[in-house]
Amino acid sequence: MKSESKKRSVSAKTLDKKFDQGDDVSEHFDLDKAIRRINVDFPVWMLKALDEESERLGINRQALIKVWIGDQIEQMRQRKKV
């Protein structure tokens, strides 16, 4: 039984051709691991607080934000299970 997470290999040339023809090429990408960049505006007081906490923990601001948001998402999921 083939794992669903394994994507079928295809050459870049073939992939380009399929894409140019309008074919769906999404089966060749693992969208669960995709990263999307966003911009978020924070007030100065919040940035100072984030920087203080990230310095205390020895991680950068982005890592702190990711950890905190990830924790909140996990807590929401756990509450939904109850």
PDB file of N, CA and C in Angstrom:
ATOM      1  N   MET A   1       0.841  -1.182   0.000  1.00  0.00           N
ATOM      2  CA  MET A   1       0.000   0.000   0.000  1.00  0.00           C
ATOM      3  C   MET A   1       0.879   1.235   0.000  1.00  0.00           C
ATOM      4  N   LYS A   2       0.672   2.111  -0.943  1.00  0.00           N
ATOM      5  CA  LYS A   2       1.490   3.294  -1.095  1.00  0.00           C
ATOM      6  C   LYS A   2       1.057   4.370  -0.113  1.00  0.00           C
ATOM      7  N   SER A   3       2.026   5.004   0.533  1.00  0.00           N
ATOM      8  CA  SER A   3       1.725   6.077   1.481  1.00  0.00           C
ATOM      9  C   SER A   3       1.171   7.283   0.735  1.00  0.00           C
ATOM     10  N   GLU A   4       0.103   7.861   1.285  1.00  0.00           N
ATOM     11  CA  GLU A   4      -0.506   9.017   0.650  1.00  0.00           C
ATOM     12  C   GLU A   4       0.409  10.226   0.697  1.00  0.00           C
ATOM     13  N   SER A   5       1.321  10.266   1.676  1.00  0.00           N
ATOM     14  CA  SER A   5       2.184  11.420   1.829  1.00  0.00           C
ATOM     15  C   SER A   5       3.305  11.446   0.801  1.00  0.00           C
ATOM     16  N   LYS A   6       3.568  10.309   0.137  1.00  0.00           N
ATOM     17  CA  LYS A   6       4.608  10.275  -0.876  1.00  0.00           C
ATOM     18  C   LYS A   6       4.032  10.739  -2.211  1.00  0.00           C
ATOM     19  N   LYS A   7       4.682  11.748  -2.791  1.00  0.00           N
ATOM     20  CA  LYS A   7       4.227  12.294  -4.061  1.00  0.00           C
ATOM     21  C   LYS A   7       4.974  11.621  -5.204  1.00  0.00           C
ATOM     22  N   ARG A   8       4.284  11.407  -6.316  1.00  0.00           N
ATOM     23  CA  ARG A   8       4.889  10.783  -7.481  1.00  0.00           C
ATOM     24  C   ARG A   8       5.934  11.718  -8.085  1.00  0.00           C
ATOM     25  N   SER A   9       7.102  11.194  -8.420  1.00  0.00           N
ATOM     26  CA  SER A   9       8.171  11.991  -9.003  1.00  0.00           C
ATOM     27  C   SER A   9       7.836  12.344 -10.443  1.00  0.00           C
ATOM     28  N   VAL A  10       8.221  13.555 -10.806  1.00  0.00           N
ATOM     29  CA  VAL A  10       8.012  14.012 -12.171  1.00  0.00           C
ATOM     30  C   VAL A  10       9.108  15.033 -12.473  1.00  0.00           C
ATOM     31  N   SER A  11       9.565  15.063 -13.719  1.00  0.00           N
ATOM     32  CA  SER A  11      10.620  16.008 -14.072  1.00  0.00           C
ATOM     33  C   SER A  11      10.066  17.427 -14.109  1.00  0.00           C
ATOM     34  N   ALA A  12      10.949  18.383 -13.920  1.00  0.00           N
ATOM     35  CA  ALA A  12      10.545  19.787 -13.961  1.00  0.00           C
ATOM     36  C   ALA A  12       9.962  20.143 -15.329  1.00  0.00           C
ATOM     37  N   LYS A  13      10.539  19.593 -16.370  1.00  0.00           N
ATOM     38  CA  LYS A  13      10.068  19.867 -17.730  1.00  0.00           C
ATOM     39  C   LYS A  13       8.630  19.369 -17.911  1.00  0.00           C
ATOM     40  N   THR A  14       8.370  18.147 -17.442  1.00  0.00           N
ATOM     41  CA  THR A  14       7.021  17.581 -17.538  1.00  0.00           C
ATOM     42  C   THR A  14       6.039  18.378 -16.699  1.00  0.00           C
ATOM     43  N   LEU A  15       6.469  18.756 -15.492  1.00  0.00           N
ATOM     44  CA  LEU A  15       5.617  19.549 -14.612  1.00  0.00           C
ATOM     45  C   LEU A  15       5.283  20.898 -15.246  1.00  0.00           C
ATOM     46  N   ASP A  16       6.283  21.555 -15.821  1.00  0.00           N
ATOM     47  CA  ASP A  16       6.054  22.831 -16.501  1.00  0.00           C
ATOM     48  C   ASP A  16       5.057  22.683 -17.646  1.00  0.00           C
ATOM     49  N   LYS A  17       5.218  21.627 -18.407  1.00  0.00           N
ATOM     50  CA  LYS A  17       4.328  21.391 -19.552  1.00  0.00           C
ATOM     51  C   LYS A  17       2.890  21.189 -19.076  1.00  0.00           C
ATOM     52  N   LYS A  18       2.718  20.356 -18.037  1.00  0.00           N
ATOM     53  CA  LYS A  18       1.375  20.118 -17.502  1.00  0.00           C
ATOM     54  C   LYS A  18       0.763  21.414 -16.975  1.00  0.00           C
ATOM     55  N   PHE A  19       1.570  22.191 -16.264  1.00  0.00           N
ATOM     56  CA  PHE A  19       1.084  23.457 -15.714  1.00  0.00           C
ATOM     57  C   PHE A  19       0.679  24.414 -16.833  1.00  0.00           C
ATOM     58  N   ASP A  20       1.532  24.539 -17.845  1.00  0.00           N
ATOM     59  CA  ASP A  20       1.246  25.426 -18.974  1.00  0.00           C
ATOM     60  C   ASP A  20      -0.014  25.021 -19.739  1.00  0.00           C
ATOM     61  N   GLN A  21      -0.330  23.727 -19.713  1.00  0.00           N
ATOM     62  CA  GLN A  21      -1.539  23.232 -20.383  1.00  0.00           C
ATOM     63  C   GLN A  21      -2.783  23.426 -19.515  1.00  0.00           C
ATOM     64  N   GLY A  22      -2.566  23.907 -18.296  1.00  0.00           N
ATOM     65  CA  GLY A  22      -3.703  24.130 -17.406  1.00  0.00           C
ATOM     66  C   GLY A  22      -4.086  22.916 -16.575  1.00  0.00           C
ATOM     67  N   ASP A  23      -3.241  21.886 -16.601  1.00  0.00           N
ATOM     68  CA  ASP A  23      -3.515  20.687 -15.805  1.00  0.00           C
ATOM     69  C   ASP A  23      -3.301  20.959 -14.321  1.00  0.00           C
ATOM     70  N   ASP A  24      -3.989  20.211 -13.481  1.00  0.00           N
ATOM     71  CA  ASP A  24      -3.816  20.301 -12.039  1.00  0.00           C
ATOM     72  C   ASP A  24      -2.521  19.583 -11.670  1.00  0.00           C
ATOM     73  N   VAL A  25      -1.566  20.311 -11.123  1.00  0.00           N
ATOM     74  CA  VAL A  25      -0.283  19.725 -10.742  1.00  0.00           C
ATOM     75  C   VAL A  25      -0.131  19.652  -9.222  1.00  0.00           C
ATOM     76  N   SER A  26      -1.181  19.933  -8.484  1.00  0.00           N
ATOM     77  CA  SER A  26      -1.102  19.975  -7.024  1.00  0.00           C
ATOM     78  C   SER A  26      -0.736  18.628  -6.408  1.00  0.00           C
ATOM     79  N   GLU A  27      -1.010  17.526  -7.101  1.00  0.00           N
ATOM     80  CA  GLU A  27      -0.683  16.203  -6.562  1.00  0.00           C
ATOM     81  C   GLU A  27       0.824  16.020  -6.385  1.00  0.00           C
ATOM     82  N   HIS A  28       1.616  16.868  -7.002  1.00  0.00           N
ATOM     83  CA  HIS A  28       3.070  16.751  -6.943  1.00  0.00           C
ATOM     84  C   HIS A  28       3.685  17.575  -5.812  1.00  0.00           C
ATOM     85  N   PHE A  29       2.855  18.226  -5.008  1.00  0.00           N
ATOM     86  CA  PHE A  29       3.344  19.084  -3.934  1.00  0.00           C
ATOM     87  C   PHE A  29       2.716  18.685  -2.603  1.00  0.00           C
ATOM     88  N   ASP A  30       3.505  18.769  -1.545  1.00  0.00           N
ATOM     89  CA  ASP A  30       3.014  18.493  -0.200  1.00  0.00           C
ATOM     90  C   ASP A  30       2.561  19.818   0.408  1.00  0.00           C
ATOM     91  N   LEU A  31       1.285  20.130   0.267  1.00  0.00           N
ATOM     92  CA  LEU A  31       0.766  21.414   0.696  1.00  0.00           C
ATOM     93  C   LEU A  31       0.679  21.548   2.209  1.00  0.00           C
ATOM     94  N   ASP A  32       0.754  20.423   2.933  1.00  0.00           N
ATOM     95  CA  ASP A  32       0.736  20.489   4.392  1.00  0.00           C
ATOM     96  C   ASP A  32       2.014  21.111   4.949  1.00  0.00           C
ATOM     97  N   LYS A  33       3.072  21.085   4.182  1.00  0.00           N
ATOM     98  CA  LYS A  33       4.348  21.641   4.633  1.00  0.00           C
ATOM     99  C   LYS A  33       4.641  22.998   3.996  1.00  0.00           C
ATOM    100  N   ALA A  34       3.695  23.528   3.255  1.00  0.00           N
ATOM    101  CA  ALA A  34       3.893  24.813   2.593  1.00  0.00           C
ATOM    102  C   ALA A  34       3.966  25.930   3.633  1.00  0.00           C
ATOM    103  N   ILE A  35       4.773  26.925   3.344  1.00  0.00           N
ATOM    104  CA  ILE A  35       4.892  28.096   4.207  1.00  0.00           C
ATOM    105  C   ILE A  35       4.386  29.298   3.442  1.00  0.00           C
ATOM    106  N   ARG A  36       3.619  30.094   4.128  1.00  0.00           N
ATOM    107  CA  ARG A  36       3.094  31.311   3.517  1.00  0.00           C
ATOM    108  C   ARG A  36       3.497  32.488   4.383  1.00  0.00           C
ATOM    109  N   ARG A  37       4.087  33.471   3.788  1.00  0.00           N
ATOM    110  CA  ARG A  37       4.524  34.660   4.521  1.00  0.00           C
ATOM    111  C   ARG A  37       3.364  35.635   4.661  1.00  0.00           C
ATOM    112  N   ILE A  38       3.296  36.234   5.840  1.00  0.00           N
ATOM    113  CA  ILE A  38       2.297  37.263   6.080  1.00  0.00           C
ATOM    114  C   ILE A  38       2.973  38.433   6.772  1.00  0.00           C
ATOM    115  N   ASN A  39       2.350  39.581   6.710  1.00  0.00           N
ATOM    116  CA  ASN A  39       2.814  40.761   7.435  1.00  0.00           C
ATOM    117  C   ASN A  39       1.797  41.077   8.509  1.00  0.00           C
ATOM    118  N   VAL A  40       2.278  41.342   9.698  1.00  0.00           N
ATOM    119  CA  VAL A  40       1.410  41.704  10.804  1.00  0.00           C
ATOM    120  C   VAL A  40       1.966  42.974  11.423  1.00  0.00           C
ATOM    121  N   ASP A  41       1.106  43.955  11.616  1.00  0.00           N
ATOM    122  CA  ASP A  41       1.522  45.199  12.264  1.00  0.00           C
ATOM    123  C   ASP A  41       1.245  45.104  13.750  1.00  0.00           C
ATOM    124  N   PHE A  42       2.275  45.373  14.567  1.00  0.00           N
ATOM    125  CA  PHE A  42       2.150  45.366  16.016  1.00  0.00           C
ATOM    126  C   PHE A  42       2.429  46.768  16.553  1.00  0.00           C
ATOM    127  N   PRO A  43       1.723  47.171  17.604  1.00  0.00           N
ATOM    128  CA  PRO A  43       2.070  48.443  18.240  1.00  0.00           C
ATOM    129  C   PRO A  43       3.450  48.324  18.899  1.00  0.00           C
ATOM    130  N   VAL A  44       4.119  49.457  19.060  1.00  0.00           N
ATOM    131  CA  VAL A  44       5.473  49.479  19.608  1.00  0.00           C
ATOM    132  C   VAL A  44       5.536  48.816  20.982  1.00  0.00           C
ATOM    133  N   TRP A  45       4.548  49.086  21.841  1.00  0.00           N
ATOM    134  CA  TRP A  45       4.573  48.507  23.185  1.00  0.00           C
ATOM    135  C   TRP A  45       4.562  46.982  23.133  1.00  0.00           C
ATOM    136  N   MET A  46       3.848  46.429  22.137  1.00  0.00           N
ATOM    137  CA  MET A  46       3.761  44.979  22.008  1.00  0.00           C
ATOM    138  C   MET A  46       5.091  44.410  21.505  1.00  0.00           C
ATOM    139  N   LEU A  47       5.718  45.110  20.568  1.00  0.00           N
ATOM    140  CA  LEU A  47       7.019  44.661  20.078  1.00  0.00           C
ATOM    141  C   LEU A  47       8.053  44.659  21.197  1.00  0.00           C
ATOM    142  N   LYS A  48       8.019  45.682  22.043  1.00  0.00           N
ATOM    143  CA  LYS A  48       8.955  45.731  23.173  1.00  0.00           C
ATOM    144  C   LYS A  48       8.736  44.541  24.099  1.00  0.00           C
ATOM    145  N   ALA A  49       7.479  44.242  24.385  1.00  0.00           N
ATOM    146  CA  ALA A  49       7.165  43.100  25.252  1.00  0.00           C
ATOM    147  C   ALA A  49       7.605  41.789  24.601  1.00  0.00           C
ATOM    148  N   LEU A  50       7.365  41.641  23.303  1.00  0.00           N
ATOM    149  CA  LEU A  50       7.799  40.440  22.584  1.00  0.00           C
ATOM    150  C   LEU A  50       9.312  40.306  22.623  1.00  0.00           C
ATOM    151  N   ASP A  51      10.008  41.408  22.409  1.00  0.00           N
ATOM    152  CA  ASP A  51      11.470  41.371  22.411  1.00  0.00           C
ATOM    153  C   ASP A  51      12.026  41.021  23.791  1.00  0.00           C
ATOM    154  N   GLU A  52      11.413  41.562  24.834  1.00  0.00           N
ATOM    155  CA  GLU A  52      11.854  41.239  26.198  1.00  0.00           C
ATOM    156  C   GLU A  52      11.679  39.752  26.492  1.00  0.00           C
ATOM    157  N   GLU A  53      10.517  39.224  26.119  1.00  0.00           N
ATOM    158  CA  GLU A  53      10.240  37.806  26.392  1.00  0.00           C
ATOM    159  C   GLU A  53      11.121  36.900  25.526  1.00  0.00           C
ATOM    160  N   SER A  54      11.310  37.268  24.265  1.00  0.00           N
ATOM    161  CA  SER A  54      12.149  36.434  23.400  1.00  0.00           C
ATOM    162  C   SER A  54      13.604  36.453  23.883  1.00  0.00           C
ATOM    163  N   GLU A  55      14.061  37.582  24.376  1.00  0.00           N
ATOM    164  CA  GLU A  55      15.423  37.656  24.921  1.00  0.00           C
ATOM    165  C   GLU A  55      15.535  36.801  26.186  1.00  0.00           C
ATOM    166  N   ARG A  56      14.526  36.857  27.036  1.00  0.00           N
ATOM    167  CA  ARG A  56      14.526  36.061  28.262  1.00  0.00           C
ATOM    168  C   ARG A  56      14.601  34.571  27.954  1.00  0.00           C
ATOM    169  N   LEU A  57      13.883  34.152  26.894  1.00  0.00           N
ATOM    170  CA  LEU A  57      13.852  32.738  26.515  1.00  0.00           C
ATOM    171  C   LEU A  57      15.016  32.323  25.614  1.00  0.00           C
ATOM    172  N   GLY A  58      15.739  33.312  25.092  1.00  0.00           N
ATOM    173  CA  GLY A  58      16.869  33.003  24.220  1.00  0.00           C
ATOM    174  C   GLY A  58      16.473  32.579  22.822  1.00  0.00           C
ATOM    175  N   ILE A  59      15.333  33.087  22.351  1.00  0.00           N
ATOM    176  CA  ILE A  59      14.880  32.803  20.983  1.00  0.00           C
ATOM    177  C   ILE A  59      14.573  34.125  20.297  1.00  0.00           C
ATOM    178  N   ASN A  60      14.434  34.103  18.982  1.00  0.00           N
ATOM    179  CA  ASN A  60      14.122  35.353  18.298  1.00  0.00           C
ATOM    180  C   ASN A  60      12.619  35.634  18.335  1.00  0.00           C
ATOM    181  N   ARG A  61      12.276  36.846  17.970  1.00  0.00           N
ATOM    182  CA  ARG A  61      10.878  37.297  18.033  1.00  0.00           C
ATOM    183  C   ARG A  61       9.961  36.411  17.200  1.00  0.00           C
ATOM    184  N   GLN A  62      10.371  36.072  15.998  1.00  0.00           N
ATOM    185  CA  GLN A  62       9.528  35.245  15.119  1.00  0.00           C
ATOM    186  C   GLN A  62       9.265  33.880  15.739  1.00  0.00           C
ATOM    187  N   ALA A  63      10.296  33.284  16.320  1.00  0.00           N
ATOM    188  CA  ALA A  63      10.120  31.979  16.953  1.00  0.00           C
ATOM    189  C   ALA A  63       9.143  32.075  18.118  1.00  0.00           C
ATOM    190  N   LEU A  64       9.242  33.137  18.899  1.00  0.00           N
ATOM    191  CA  LEU A  64       8.332  33.331  20.026  1.00  0.00           C
ATOM    192  C   LEU A  64       6.887  33.443  19.548  1.00  0.00           C
ATOM    193  N   ILE A  65       6.672  34.236  18.521  1.00  0.00           N
ATOM    194  CA  ILE A  65       5.318  34.410  17.988  1.00  0.00           C
ATOM    195  C   ILE A  65       4.771  33.071  17.481  1.00  0.00           C
ATOM    196  N   LYS A  66       5.594  32.306  16.766  1.00  0.00           N
ATOM    197  CA  LYS A  66       5.158  31.004  16.258  1.00  0.00           C
ATOM    198  C   LYS A  66       4.795  30.059  17.395  1.00  0.00           C
ATOM    199  N   VAL A  67       5.629  30.034  18.438  1.00  0.00           N
ATOM    200  CA  VAL A  67       5.366  29.161  19.577  1.00  0.00           C
ATOM    201  C   VAL A  67       4.063  29.560  20.251  1.00  0.00           C
ATOM    202  N   TRP A  68       3.886  30.845  20.518  1.00  0.00           N
ATOM    203  CA  TRP A  68       2.673  31.303  21.201  1.00  0.00           C
ATOM    204  C   TRP A  68       1.417  31.026  20.383  1.00  0.00           C
ATOM    205  N   ILE A  69       1.471  31.308  19.090  1.00  0.00           N
ATOM    206  CA  ILE A  69       0.300  31.050  18.247  1.00  0.00           C
ATOM    207  C   ILE A  69       0.038  29.547  18.159  1.00  0.00           C
ATOM    208  N   GLY A  70       1.098  28.755  18.014  1.00  0.00           N
ATOM    209  CA  GLY A  70       0.940  27.303  17.985  1.00  0.00           C
ATOM    210  C   GLY A  70       0.316  26.773  19.264  1.00  0.00           C
ATOM    211  N   ASP A  71       0.746  27.316  20.408  1.00  0.00           N
ATOM    212  CA  ASP A  71       0.163  26.911  21.694  1.00  0.00           C
ATOM    213  C   ASP A  71      -1.328  27.234  21.748  1.00  0.00           C
ATOM    214  N   GLN A  72      -1.701  28.407  21.288  1.00  0.00           N
ATOM    215  CA  GLN A  72      -3.108  28.811  21.311  1.00  0.00           C
ATOM    216  C   GLN A  72      -3.952  27.923  20.397  1.00  0.00           C
ATOM    217  N   ILE A  73      -3.440  27.603  19.230  1.00  0.00           N
ATOM    218  CA  ILE A  73      -4.169  26.731  18.302  1.00  0.00           C
ATOM    219  C   ILE A  73      -4.357  25.353  18.926  1.00  0.00           C
ATOM    220  N   GLU A  74      -3.303  24.830  19.555  1.00  0.00           N
ATOM    221  CA  GLU A  74      -3.408  23.518  20.195  1.00  0.00           C
ATOM    222  C   GLU A  74      -4.424  23.542  21.334  1.00  0.00           C
ATOM    223  N   GLN A  75      -4.440  24.608  22.128  1.00  0.00           N
ATOM    224  CA  GLN A  75      -5.418  24.731  23.207  1.00  0.00           C
ATOM    225  C   GLN A  75      -6.840  24.777  22.656  1.00  0.00           C
ATOM    226  N   MET A  76      -7.055  25.494  21.566  1.00  0.00           N
ATOM    227  CA  MET A  76      -8.380  25.555  20.946  1.00  0.00           C
ATOM    228  C   MET A  76      -8.804  24.171  20.481  1.00  0.00           C
ATOM    229  N   ARG A  77      -7.882  23.435  19.870  1.00  0.00           N
ATOM    230  CA  ARG A  77      -8.207  22.079  19.400  1.00  0.00           C
ATOM    231  C   ARG A  77      -8.566  21.169  20.554  1.00  0.00           C
ATOM    232  N   GLN A  78      -7.840  21.293  21.660  1.00  0.00           N
ATOM    233  CA  GLN A  78      -8.126  20.461  22.825  1.00  0.00           C
ATOM    234  C   GLN A  78      -9.493  20.795  23.408  1.00  0.00           C
ATOM    235  N   ARG A  79      -9.869  22.074  23.449  1.00  0.00           N
ATOM    236  CA  ARG A  79     -11.181  22.465  23.964  1.00  0.00           C
ATOM    237  C   ARG A  79     -12.298  21.934  23.080  1.00  0.00           C
ATOM    238  N   LYS A  80     -12.080  21.880  21.786  1.00  0.00           N
ATOM    239  CA  LYS A  80     -13.090  21.368  20.863  1.00  0.00           C
ATOM    240  C   LYS A  80     -13.331  19.876  21.041  1.00  0.00           C
ATOM    241  N   LYS A  81     -12.292  19.146  21.499  1.00  0.00           N
ATOM    242  CA  LYS A  81     -12.414  17.695  21.712  1.00  0.00           C
ATOM    243  C   LYS A  81     -13.257  17.364  22.918  1.00  0.00           C
ATOM    244  N   VAL A  82     -13.313  18.288  23.878  1.00  0.00           N
ATOM    245  CA  VAL A  82     -14.025  18.019  25.132  1.00  0.00           C
ATOM    246  C   VAL A  82     -15.519  18.099  24.941  1.00  0.00           C
TER     247      VAL A  82
END
